[in-house]
Amino acid sequence: MQPSSSFEIDSHVKGYHAYLDDWKPCWEEVLQAIPEPNNAVDKYAVCVLKDGEVVGHLKREKLGCFAKTIFYFLEADQHSSCSVIIKADKAVNFGDGEGMQ
């Protein structure tokens, strides 16, 4: 059996505005994150899924390395997984040009 470990990173799910009709965030909801290497905008994109449907993407953060790090982590080992736990029940806009998150 493979050893397991977990870690927690605070971030936001991008694309709320694009998936507004498909998903409403719920406190403590657990979603799945998987690499999306064929994404036209970002080859290191990591999409966030609810019931197998995309409801957003992990942020790249300021240097573009957060989602890329998760992307490589998930691609490196088929047994790896990434869960997204929602810690808010409404979208926010930080005024950073990223839209509602």
PDB file of N, CA and C in Angstrom:
ATOM      1  N   MET A   1       0.836  -1.183   0.000  1.00  0.00           N
ATOM      2  CA  MET A   1       0.000   0.000   0.000  1.00  0.00           C
ATOM      3  C   MET A   1       0.880   1.245   0.000  1.00  0.00           C
ATOM      4  N   GLN A   2       0.533   2.182  -0.836  1.00  0.00           N
ATOM      5  CA  GLN A   2       1.283   3.426  -0.941  1.00  0.00           C
ATOM      6  C   GLN A   2       1.032   4.303   0.279  1.00  0.00           C
ATOM      7  N   PRO A   3       2.081   4.956   0.804  1.00  0.00           N
ATOM      8  CA  PRO A   3       1.842   5.898   1.895  1.00  0.00           C
ATOM      9  C   PRO A   3       1.009   7.069   1.379  1.00  0.00           C
ATOM     10  N   SER A   4       0.193   7.619   2.239  1.00  0.00           N
ATOM     11  CA  SER A   4      -0.617   8.753   1.807  1.00  0.00           C
ATOM     12  C   SER A   4      -0.292   9.964   2.656  1.00  0.00           C
ATOM     13  N   SER A   5      -0.503  11.101   2.083  1.00  0.00           N
ATOM     14  CA  SER A   5      -0.310  12.351   2.799  1.00  0.00           C
ATOM     15  C   SER A   5      -1.281  13.365   2.224  1.00  0.00           C
ATOM     16  N   SER A   6      -1.477  14.413   2.958  1.00  0.00           N
ATOM     17  CA  SER A   6      -2.353  15.465   2.455  1.00  0.00           C
ATOM     18  C   SER A   6      -1.787  16.809   2.876  1.00  0.00           C
ATOM     19  N   PHE A   7      -2.178  17.825   2.162  1.00  0.00           N
ATOM     20  CA  PHE A   7      -1.786  19.180   2.505  1.00  0.00           C
ATOM     21  C   PHE A   7      -2.918  20.098   2.097  1.00  0.00           C
ATOM     22  N   GLU A   8      -2.922  21.272   2.659  1.00  0.00           N
ATOM     23  CA  GLU A   8      -3.999  22.222   2.393  1.00  0.00           C
ATOM     24  C   GLU A   8      -3.401  23.542   1.930  1.00  0.00           C
ATOM     25  N   ILE A   9      -3.967  24.091   0.873  1.00  0.00           N
ATOM     26  CA  ILE A   9      -3.538  25.381   0.338  1.00  0.00           C
ATOM     27  C   ILE A   9      -4.779  26.227   0.128  1.00  0.00           C
ATOM     28  N   ASP A  10      -4.755  27.451   0.606  1.00  0.00           N
ATOM     29  CA  ASP A  10      -5.875  28.365   0.370  1.00  0.00           C
ATOM     30  C   ASP A  10      -5.759  28.956  -1.025  1.00  0.00           C
ATOM     31  N   SER A  11      -6.829  28.893  -1.767  1.00  0.00           N
ATOM     32  CA  SER A  11      -6.877  29.475  -3.102  1.00  0.00           C
ATOM     33  C   SER A  11      -8.336  29.732  -3.437  1.00  0.00           C
ATOM     34  N   HIS A  12      -8.610  29.992  -4.695  1.00  0.00           N
ATOM     35  CA  HIS A  12      -9.973  30.242  -5.151  1.00  0.00           C
ATOM     36  C   HIS A  12     -10.233  29.469  -6.433  1.00  0.00           C
ATOM     37  N   VAL A  13     -11.488  29.174  -6.674  1.00  0.00           N
ATOM     38  CA  VAL A  13     -11.903  28.528  -7.915  1.00  0.00           C
ATOM     39  C   VAL A  13     -12.262  29.632  -8.896  1.00  0.00           C
ATOM     40  N   LYS A  14     -11.546  29.680 -10.008  1.00  0.00           N
ATOM     41  CA  LYS A  14     -11.810  30.683 -11.045  1.00  0.00           C
ATOM     42  C   LYS A  14     -12.947  30.228 -11.944  1.00  0.00           C
ATOM     43  N   GLY A  15     -13.576  31.187 -12.609  1.00  0.00           N
ATOM     44  CA  GLY A  15     -14.570  30.872 -13.622  1.00  0.00           C
ATOM     45  C   GLY A  15     -15.990  30.812 -13.118  1.00  0.00           C
ATOM     46  N   TYR A  16     -16.222  31.308 -11.917  1.00  0.00           N
ATOM     47  CA  TYR A  16     -17.573  31.275 -11.351  1.00  0.00           C
ATOM     48  C   TYR A  16     -18.584  31.868 -12.328  1.00  0.00           C
ATOM     49  N   HIS A  17     -18.211  32.982 -12.956  1.00  0.00           N
ATOM     50  CA  HIS A  17     -19.125  33.659 -13.891  1.00  0.00           C
ATOM     51  C   HIS A  17     -19.485  32.770 -15.082  1.00  0.00           C
ATOM     52  N   ALA A  18     -18.565  31.924 -15.511  1.00  0.00           N
ATOM     53  CA  ALA A  18     -18.808  31.073 -16.679  1.00  0.00           C
ATOM     54  C   ALA A  18     -19.678  29.860 -16.349  1.00  0.00           C
ATOM     55  N   TYR A  19     -19.660  29.440 -15.088  1.00  0.00           N
ATOM     56  CA  TYR A  19     -20.396  28.240 -14.688  1.00  0.00           C
ATOM     57  C   TYR A  19     -21.534  28.568 -13.726  1.00  0.00           C
ATOM     58  N   LEU A  20     -21.908  29.826 -13.658  1.00  0.00           N
ATOM     59  CA  LEU A  20     -22.925  30.322 -12.734  1.00  0.00           C
ATOM     60  C   LEU A  20     -24.230  29.541 -12.803  1.00  0.00           C
ATOM     61  N   ASP A  21     -24.649  29.159 -14.000  1.00  0.00           N
ATOM     62  CA  ASP A  21     -25.912  28.428 -14.154  1.00  0.00           C
ATOM     63  C   ASP A  21     -25.787  26.945 -13.795  1.00  0.00           C
ATOM     64  N   ASP A  22     -24.551  26.442 -13.708  1.00  0.00           N
ATOM     65  CA  ASP A  22     -24.324  25.016 -13.475  1.00  0.00           C
ATOM     66  C   ASP A  22     -23.981  24.663 -12.031  1.00  0.00           C
ATOM     67  N   TRP A  23     -23.518  25.659 -11.259  1.00  0.00           N
ATOM     68  CA  TRP A  23     -23.019  25.344  -9.925  1.00  0.00           C
ATOM     69  C   TRP A  23     -23.137  26.535  -8.992  1.00  0.00           C
ATOM     70  N   LYS A  24     -23.590  26.258  -7.797  1.00  0.00           N
ATOM     71  CA  LYS A  24     -23.620  27.242  -6.712  1.00  0.00           C
ATOM     72  C   LYS A  24     -22.738  26.689  -5.601  1.00  0.00           C
ATOM     73  N   PRO A  25     -21.735  27.441  -5.152  1.00  0.00           N
ATOM     74  CA  PRO A  25     -20.856  26.925  -4.105  1.00  0.00           C
ATOM     75  C   PRO A  25     -21.601  26.671  -2.803  1.00  0.00           C
ATOM     76  N   CYS A  26     -21.265  25.586  -2.144  1.00  0.00           N
ATOM     77  CA  CYS A  26     -21.852  25.225  -0.848  1.00  0.00           C
ATOM     78  C   CYS A  26     -20.722  25.007   0.149  1.00  0.00           C
ATOM     79  N   TRP A  27     -20.869  25.549   1.339  1.00  0.00           N
ATOM     80  CA  TRP A  27     -19.865  25.437   2.393  1.00  0.00           C
ATOM     81  C   TRP A  27     -19.505  23.970   2.641  1.00  0.00           C
ATOM     82  N   GLU A  28     -18.211  23.674   2.692  1.00  0.00           N
ATOM     83  CA  GLU A  28     -17.668  22.340   2.961  1.00  0.00           C
ATOM     84  C   GLU A  28     -17.928  21.324   1.845  1.00  0.00           C
ATOM     85  N   GLU A  29     -18.404  21.777   0.709  1.00  0.00           N
ATOM     86  CA  GLU A  29     -18.584  20.888  -0.447  1.00  0.00           C
ATOM     87  C   GLU A  29     -17.206  20.410  -0.907  1.00  0.00           C
ATOM     88  N   VAL A  30     -17.094  19.141  -1.252  1.00  0.00           N
ATOM     89  CA  VAL A  30     -15.827  18.577  -1.708  1.00  0.00           C
ATOM     90  C   VAL A  30     -15.934  18.294  -3.201  1.00  0.00           C
ATOM     91  N   LEU A  31     -15.038  18.904  -3.962  1.00  0.00           N
ATOM     92  CA  LEU A  31     -15.011  18.745  -5.415  1.00  0.00           C
ATOM     93  C   LEU A  31     -13.692  18.085  -5.812  1.00  0.00           C
ATOM     94  N   GLN A  32     -13.625  17.614  -7.031  1.00  0.00           N
ATOM     95  CA  GLN A  32     -12.429  16.950  -7.548  1.00  0.00           C
ATOM     96  C   GLN A  32     -11.681  17.915  -8.461  1.00  0.00           C
ATOM     97  N   ALA A  33     -10.368  17.834  -8.459  1.00  0.00           N
ATOM     98  CA  ALA A  33      -9.543  18.621  -9.380  1.00  0.00           C
ATOM     99  C   ALA A  33      -8.706  17.657 -10.211  1.00  0.00           C
ATOM    100  N   ILE A  34      -8.684  17.888 -11.530  1.00  0.00           N
ATOM    101  CA  ILE A  34      -7.895  17.032 -12.423  1.00  0.00           C
ATOM    102  C   ILE A  34      -7.163  17.905 -13.443  1.00  0.00           C
ATOM    103  N   PRO A  35      -6.029  17.431 -13.956  1.00  0.00           N
ATOM    104  CA  PRO A  35      -5.307  18.179 -14.981  1.00  0.00           C
ATOM    105  C   PRO A  35      -6.152  18.298 -16.248  1.00  0.00           C
ATOM    106  N   GLU A  36      -5.982  19.399 -16.936  1.00  0.00           N
ATOM    107  CA  GLU A  36      -6.683  19.626 -18.203  1.00  0.00           C
ATOM    108  C   GLU A  36      -5.643  20.063 -19.247  1.00  0.00           C
ATOM    109  N   PRO A  37      -4.763  19.135 -19.684  1.00  0.00           N
ATOM    110  CA  PRO A  37      -3.641  19.494 -20.550  1.00  0.00           C
ATOM    111  C   PRO A  37      -4.036  20.022 -21.925  1.00  0.00           C
ATOM    112  N   ASN A  38      -5.252  19.790 -22.361  1.00  0.00           N
ATOM    113  CA  ASN A  38      -5.683  20.284 -23.674  1.00  0.00           C
ATOM    114  C   ASN A  38      -6.440  21.601 -23.585  1.00  0.00           C
ATOM    115  N   ASN A  39      -6.365  22.279 -22.443  1.00  0.00           N
ATOM    116  CA  ASN A  39      -7.015  23.574 -22.271  1.00  0.00           C
ATOM    117  C   ASN A  39      -6.378  24.577 -23.231  1.00  0.00           C
ATOM    118  N   ALA A  40      -7.200  25.278 -24.006  1.00  0.00           N
ATOM    119  CA  ALA A  40      -6.712  26.217 -25.019  1.00  0.00           C
ATOM    120  C   ALA A  40      -6.049  27.453 -24.414  1.00  0.00           C
ATOM    121  N   VAL A  41      -6.388  27.799 -23.185  1.00  0.00           N
ATOM    122  CA  VAL A  41      -5.863  29.009 -22.554  1.00  0.00           C
ATOM    123  C   VAL A  41      -4.599  28.734 -21.743  1.00  0.00           C
ATOM    124  N   ASP A  42      -4.536  27.583 -21.081  1.00  0.00           N
ATOM    125  CA  ASP A  42      -3.419  27.277 -20.187  1.00  0.00           C
ATOM    126  C   ASP A  42      -3.126  25.781 -20.241  1.00  0.00           C
ATOM    127  N   LYS A  43      -1.971  25.416 -20.769  1.00  0.00           N
ATOM    128  CA  LYS A  43      -1.650  23.986 -20.900  1.00  0.00           C
ATOM    129  C   LYS A  43      -1.426  23.307 -19.552  1.00  0.00           C
ATOM    130  N   TYR A  44      -1.292  24.100 -18.476  1.00  0.00           N
ATOM    131  CA  TYR A  44      -1.151  23.549 -17.130  1.00  0.00           C
ATOM    132  C   TYR A  44      -2.426  23.726 -16.311  1.00  0.00           C
ATOM    133  N   ALA A  45      -3.537  23.913 -16.974  1.00  0.00           N
ATOM    134  CA  ALA A  45      -4.809  24.136 -16.283  1.00  0.00           C
ATOM    135  C   ALA A  45      -5.207  22.913 -15.462  1.00  0.00           C
ATOM    136  N   VAL A  46      -5.832  23.192 -14.328  1.00  0.00           N
ATOM    137  CA  VAL A  46      -6.398  22.148 -13.478  1.00  0.00           C
ATOM    138  C   VAL A  46      -7.865  22.510 -13.295  1.00  0.00           C
ATOM    139  N   CYS A  47      -8.752  21.667 -13.833  1.00  0.00           N
ATOM    140  CA  CYS A  47     -10.176  21.974 -13.734  1.00  0.00           C
ATOM    141  C   CYS A  47     -10.757  21.391 -12.451  1.00  0.00           C
ATOM    142  N   VAL A  48     -11.816  22.035 -11.982  1.00  0.00           N
ATOM    143  CA  VAL A  48     -12.525  21.616 -10.780  1.00  0.00           C
ATOM    144  C   VAL A  48     -13.847  21.016 -11.227  1.00  0.00           C
ATOM    145  N   LEU A  49     -14.138  19.797 -10.765  1.00  0.00           N
ATOM    146  CA  LEU A  49     -15.322  19.063 -11.208  1.00  0.00           C
ATOM    147  C   LEU A  49     -16.314  18.838 -10.077  1.00  0.00           C
ATOM    148  N   LYS A  50     -17.582  18.921 -10.425  1.00  0.00           N
ATOM    149  CA  LYS A  50     -18.661  18.484  -9.539  1.00  0.00           C
ATOM    150  C   LYS A  50     -19.466  17.466 -10.329  1.00  0.00           C
ATOM    151  N   ASP A  51     -19.575  16.271  -9.816  1.00  0.00           N
ATOM    152  CA  ASP A  51     -20.300  15.191 -10.495  1.00  0.00           C
ATOM    153  C   ASP A  51     -19.819  15.011 -11.932  1.00  0.00           C
ATOM    154  N   GLY A  52     -18.497  15.141 -12.146  1.00  0.00           N
ATOM    155  CA  GLY A  52     -17.908  14.930 -13.460  1.00  0.00           C
ATOM    156  C   GLY A  52     -18.016  16.098 -14.421  1.00  0.00           C
ATOM    157  N   GLU A  53     -18.617  17.201 -14.006  1.00  0.00           N
ATOM    158  CA  GLU A  53     -18.781  18.382 -14.860  1.00  0.00           C
ATOM    159  C   GLU A  53     -17.873  19.510 -14.374  1.00  0.00           C
ATOM    160  N   VAL A  54     -17.222  20.201 -15.308  1.00  0.00           N
ATOM    161  CA  VAL A  54     -16.346  21.319 -14.953  1.00  0.00           C
ATOM    162  C   VAL A  54     -17.175  22.467 -14.382  1.00  0.00           C
ATOM    163  N   VAL A  55     -16.747  22.964 -13.207  1.00  0.00           N
ATOM    164  CA  VAL A  55     -17.416  24.112 -12.587  1.00  0.00           C
ATOM    165  C   VAL A  55     -16.433  25.251 -12.329  1.00  0.00           C
ATOM    166  N   GLY A  56     -15.196  25.099 -12.762  1.00  0.00           N
ATOM    167  CA  GLY A  56     -14.196  26.149 -12.593  1.00  0.00           C
ATOM    168  C   GLY A  56     -12.800  25.583 -12.760  1.00  0.00           C
ATOM    169  N   HIS A  57     -11.817  26.408 -12.443  1.00  0.00           N
ATOM    170  CA  HIS A  57     -10.408  26.021 -12.544  1.00  0.00           C
ATOM    171  C   HIS A  57      -9.650  26.550 -11.332  1.00  0.00           C
ATOM    172  N   LEU A  58      -8.558  25.872 -10.976  1.00  0.00           N
ATOM    173  CA  LEU A  58      -7.700  26.385  -9.921  1.00  0.00           C
ATOM    174  C   LEU A  58      -6.958  27.607 -10.440  1.00  0.00           C
ATOM    175  N   LYS A  59      -6.745  28.565  -9.562  1.00  0.00           N
ATOM    176  CA  LYS A  59      -6.003  29.768  -9.939  1.00  0.00           C
ATOM    177  C   LYS A  59      -4.530  29.446 -10.132  1.00  0.00           C
ATOM    178  N   ARG A  60      -3.922  30.179 -11.032  1.00  0.00           N
ATOM    179  CA  ARG A  60      -2.477  30.050 -11.228  1.00  0.00           C
ATOM    180  C   ARG A  60      -1.716  30.793 -10.145  1.00  0.00           C
ATOM    181  N   GLU A  61      -2.358  31.728  -9.496  1.00  0.00           N
ATOM    182  CA  GLU A  61      -1.760  32.617  -8.495  1.00  0.00           C
ATOM    183  C   GLU A  61      -0.785  33.568  -9.174  1.00  0.00           C
ATOM    184  N   LYS A  62      -0.137  34.419  -8.398  1.00  0.00           N
ATOM    185  CA  LYS A  62       0.631  35.535  -8.941  1.00  0.00           C
ATOM    186  C   LYS A  62       1.731  35.134  -9.912  1.00  0.00           C
ATOM    187  N   LEU A  63       2.476  34.098  -9.618  1.00  0.00           N
ATOM    188  CA  LEU A  63       3.571  33.705 -10.490  1.00  0.00           C
ATOM    189  C   LEU A  63       3.188  32.592 -11.453  1.00  0.00           C
ATOM    190  N   GLY A  64       1.931  32.206 -11.448  1.00  0.00           N
ATOM    191  CA  GLY A  64       1.480  31.170 -12.360  1.00  0.00           C
ATOM    192  C   GLY A  64       1.898  29.774 -11.962  1.00  0.00           C
ATOM    193  N   CYS A  65       2.351  29.592 -10.714  1.00  0.00           N
ATOM    194  CA  CYS A  65       2.912  28.289 -10.355  1.00  0.00           C
ATOM    195  C   CYS A  65       1.979  27.398  -9.538  1.00  0.00           C
ATOM    196  N   PHE A  66       0.925  27.924  -8.935  1.00  0.00           N
ATOM    197  CA  PHE A  66       0.078  27.087  -8.082  1.00  0.00           C
ATOM    198  C   PHE A  66      -0.583  25.967  -8.876  1.00  0.00           C
ATOM    199  N   ALA A  67      -1.383  26.314  -9.874  1.00  0.00           N
ATOM    200  CA  ALA A  67      -2.066  25.290 -10.669  1.00  0.00           C
ATOM    201  C   ALA A  67      -1.054  24.405 -11.395  1.00  0.00           C
ATOM    202  N   LYS A  68       0.051  24.990 -11.837  1.00  0.00           N
ATOM    203  CA  LYS A  68       1.080  24.218 -12.536  1.00  0.00           C
ATOM    204  C   LYS A  68       1.680  23.158 -11.603  1.00  0.00           C
ATOM    205  N   THR A  69       1.916  23.513 -10.348  1.00  0.00           N
ATOM    206  CA  THR A  69       2.440  22.558  -9.372  1.00  0.00           C
ATOM    207  C   THR A  69       1.453  21.416  -9.151  1.00  0.00           C
ATOM    208  N   ILE A  70       0.174  21.741  -8.982  1.00  0.00           N
ATOM    209  CA  ILE A  70      -0.862  20.719  -8.805  1.00  0.00           C
ATOM    210  C   ILE A  70      -0.959  19.862 -10.065  1.00  0.00           C
ATOM    211  N   PHE A  71      -0.878  20.501 -11.239  1.00  0.00           N
ATOM    212  CA  PHE A  71      -0.917  19.788 -12.519  1.00  0.00           C
ATOM    213  C   PHE A  71       0.166  18.707 -12.549  1.00  0.00           C
ATOM    214  N   TYR A  72       1.416  19.095 -12.258  1.00  0.00           N
ATOM    215  CA  TYR A  72       2.524  18.134 -12.292  1.00  0.00           C
ATOM    216  C   TYR A  72       2.369  17.054 -11.221  1.00  0.00           C
ATOM    217  N   PHE A  73       1.904  17.425 -10.050  1.00  0.00           N
ATOM    218  CA  PHE A  73       1.662  16.465  -8.974  1.00  0.00           C
ATOM    219  C   PHE A  73       0.681  15.388  -9.432  1.00  0.00           C
ATOM    220  N   LEU A  74      -0.408  15.799 -10.069  1.00  0.00           N
ATOM    221  CA  LEU A  74      -1.428  14.847 -10.511  1.00  0.00           C
ATOM    222  C   LEU A  74      -0.973  14.027 -11.710  1.00  0.00           C
ATOM    223  N   GLU A  75      -0.204  14.639 -12.600  1.00  0.00           N
ATOM    224  CA  GLU A  75       0.277  13.930 -13.784  1.00  0.00           C
ATOM    225  C   GLU A  75       1.373  12.915 -13.435  1.00  0.00           C
ATOM    226  N   ALA A  76       2.125  13.153 -12.377  1.00  0.00           N
ATOM    227  CA  ALA A  76       3.269  12.312 -12.034  1.00  0.00           C
ATOM    228  C   ALA A  76       2.877  10.942 -11.499  1.00  0.00           C
ATOM    229  N   ASP A  77       1.723  10.837 -10.905  1.00  0.00           N
ATOM    230  CA  ASP A  77       1.336   9.581 -10.261  1.00  0.00           C
ATOM    231  C   ASP A  77      -0.160   9.354 -10.438  1.00  0.00           C
ATOM    232  N   GLN A  78      -0.519   8.268 -11.083  1.00  0.00           N
ATOM    233  CA  GLN A  78      -1.933   7.963 -11.332  1.00  0.00           C
ATOM    234  C   GLN A  78      -2.727   7.802 -10.044  1.00  0.00           C
ATOM    235  N   HIS A  79      -2.052   7.515  -8.947  1.00  0.00           N
ATOM    236  CA  HIS A  79      -2.740   7.300  -7.674  1.00  0.00           C
ATOM    237  C   HIS A  79      -2.947   8.593  -6.892  1.00  0.00           C
ATOM    238  N   SER A  80      -2.374   9.680  -7.376  1.00  0.00           N
ATOM    239  CA  SER A  80      -2.537  10.972  -6.709  1.00  0.00           C
ATOM    240  C   SER A  80      -3.926  11.525  -6.979  1.00  0.00           C
ATOM    241  N   SER A  81      -4.409  12.299  -6.044  1.00  0.00           N
ATOM    242  CA  SER A  81      -5.693  12.964  -6.254  1.00  0.00           C
ATOM    243  C   SER A  81      -5.666  14.319  -5.570  1.00  0.00           C
ATOM    244  N   CYS A  82      -6.564  15.158  -5.971  1.00  0.00           N
ATOM    245  CA  CYS A  82      -6.661  16.494  -5.402  1.00  0.00           C
ATOM    246  C   CYS A  82      -8.131  16.806  -5.167  1.00  0.00           C
ATOM    247  N   SER A  83      -8.464  17.106  -3.928  1.00  0.00           N
ATOM    248  CA  SER A  83      -9.830  17.501  -3.586  1.00  0.00           C
ATOM    249  C   SER A  83      -9.861  18.991  -3.317  1.00  0.00           C
ATOM    250  N   VAL A  84     -10.931  19.616  -3.712  1.00  0.00           N
ATOM    251  CA  VAL A  84     -11.151  21.036  -3.460  1.00  0.00           C
ATOM    252  C   VAL A  84     -12.289  21.127  -2.456  1.00  0.00           C
ATOM    253  N   ILE A  85     -12.029  21.750  -1.319  1.00  0.00           N
ATOM    254  CA  ILE A  85     -13.060  21.904  -0.296  1.00  0.00           C
ATOM    255  C   ILE A  85     -13.487  23.362  -0.269  1.00  0.00           C
ATOM    256  N   ILE A  86     -14.756  23.596  -0.532  1.00  0.00           N
ATOM    257  CA  ILE A  86     -15.283  24.956  -0.596  1.00  0.00           C
ATOM    258  C   ILE A  86     -15.395  25.523   0.817  1.00  0.00           C
ATOM    259  N   LYS A  87     -14.809  26.700   1.025  1.00  0.00           N
ATOM    260  CA  LYS A  87     -14.815  27.343   2.340  1.00  0.00           C
ATOM    261  C   LYS A  87     -15.606  28.650   2.330  1.00  0.00           C
ATOM    262  N   ALA A  88     -16.452  28.831   1.345  1.00  0.00           N
ATOM    263  CA  ALA A  88     -17.319  30.013   1.274  1.00  0.00           C
ATOM    264  C   ALA A  88     -18.594  29.603   0.562  1.00  0.00           C
ATOM    265  N   ASP A  89     -19.653  30.342   0.790  1.00  0.00           N
ATOM    266  CA  ASP A  89     -20.908  30.000   0.120  1.00  0.00           C
ATOM    267  C   ASP A  89     -21.365  31.091  -0.836  1.00  0.00           C
ATOM    268  N   LYS A  90     -20.408  31.956  -1.228  1.00  0.00           N
ATOM    269  CA  LYS A  90     -20.725  32.964  -2.233  1.00  0.00           C
ATOM    270  C   LYS A  90     -19.453  33.339  -2.980  1.00  0.00           C
ATOM    271  N   ALA A  91     -19.627  33.848  -4.172  1.00  0.00           N
ATOM    272  CA  ALA A  91     -18.492  34.263  -4.987  1.00  0.00           C
ATOM    273  C   ALA A  91     -18.012  35.640  -4.541  1.00  0.00           C
ATOM    274  N   VAL A  92     -16.744  35.927  -4.823  1.00  0.00           N
ATOM    275  CA  VAL A  92     -16.175  37.230  -4.502  1.00  0.00           C
ATOM    276  C   VAL A  92     -15.450  37.778  -5.721  1.00  0.00           C
ATOM    277  N   ASN A  93     -15.287  39.085  -5.765  1.00  0.00           N
ATOM    278  CA  ASN A  93     -14.499  39.731  -6.805  1.00  0.00           C
ATOM    279  C   ASN A  93     -13.440  40.558  -6.101  1.00  0.00           C
ATOM    280  N   PHE A  94     -12.182  40.218  -6.298  1.00  0.00           N
ATOM    281  CA  PHE A  94     -11.081  40.898  -5.629  1.00  0.00           C
ATOM    282  C   PHE A  94     -10.598  42.124  -6.395  1.00  0.00           C
ATOM    283  N   GLY A  95     -11.209  42.416  -7.549  1.00  0.00           N
ATOM    284  CA  GLY A  95     -10.785  43.558  -8.340  1.00  0.00           C
ATOM    285  C   GLY A  95      -9.437  43.353  -9.001  1.00  0.00           C
ATOM    286  N   ASP A  96      -9.051  42.106  -9.196  1.00  0.00           N
ATOM    287  CA  ASP A  96      -7.741  41.800  -9.780  1.00  0.00           C
ATOM    288  C   ASP A  96      -7.825  41.409 -11.251  1.00  0.00           C
ATOM    289  N   GLY A  97      -8.979  41.647 -11.865  1.00  0.00           N
ATOM    290  CA  GLY A  97      -9.149  41.300 -13.271  1.00  0.00           C
ATOM    291  C   GLY A  97      -9.462  39.839 -13.504  1.00  0.00           C
ATOM    292  N   GLU A  98      -9.595  39.065 -12.451  1.00  0.00           N
ATOM    293  CA  GLU A  98      -9.869  37.634 -12.560  1.00  0.00           C
ATOM    294  C   GLU A  98     -11.360  37.329 -12.551  1.00  0.00           C
ATOM    295  N   GLY A  99     -12.205  38.334 -12.357  1.00  0.00           N
ATOM    296  CA  GLY A  99     -13.647  38.120 -12.328  1.00  0.00           C
ATOM    297  C   GLY A  99     -14.103  37.505 -11.023  1.00  0.00           C
ATOM    298  N   MET A 100     -15.320  36.992 -11.021  1.00  0.00           N
ATOM    299  CA  MET A 100     -15.882  36.377  -9.820  1.00  0.00           C
ATOM    300  C   MET A 100     -15.196  35.044  -9.553  1.00  0.00           C
ATOM    301  N   GLN A 101     -14.871  34.816  -8.292  1.00  0.00           N
ATOM    302  CA  GLN A 101     -14.173  33.586  -7.896  1.00  0.00           C
ATOM    303  C   GLN A 101     -14.891  32.984  -6.718  1.00  0.00           C
TER     304      GLN A 101
END
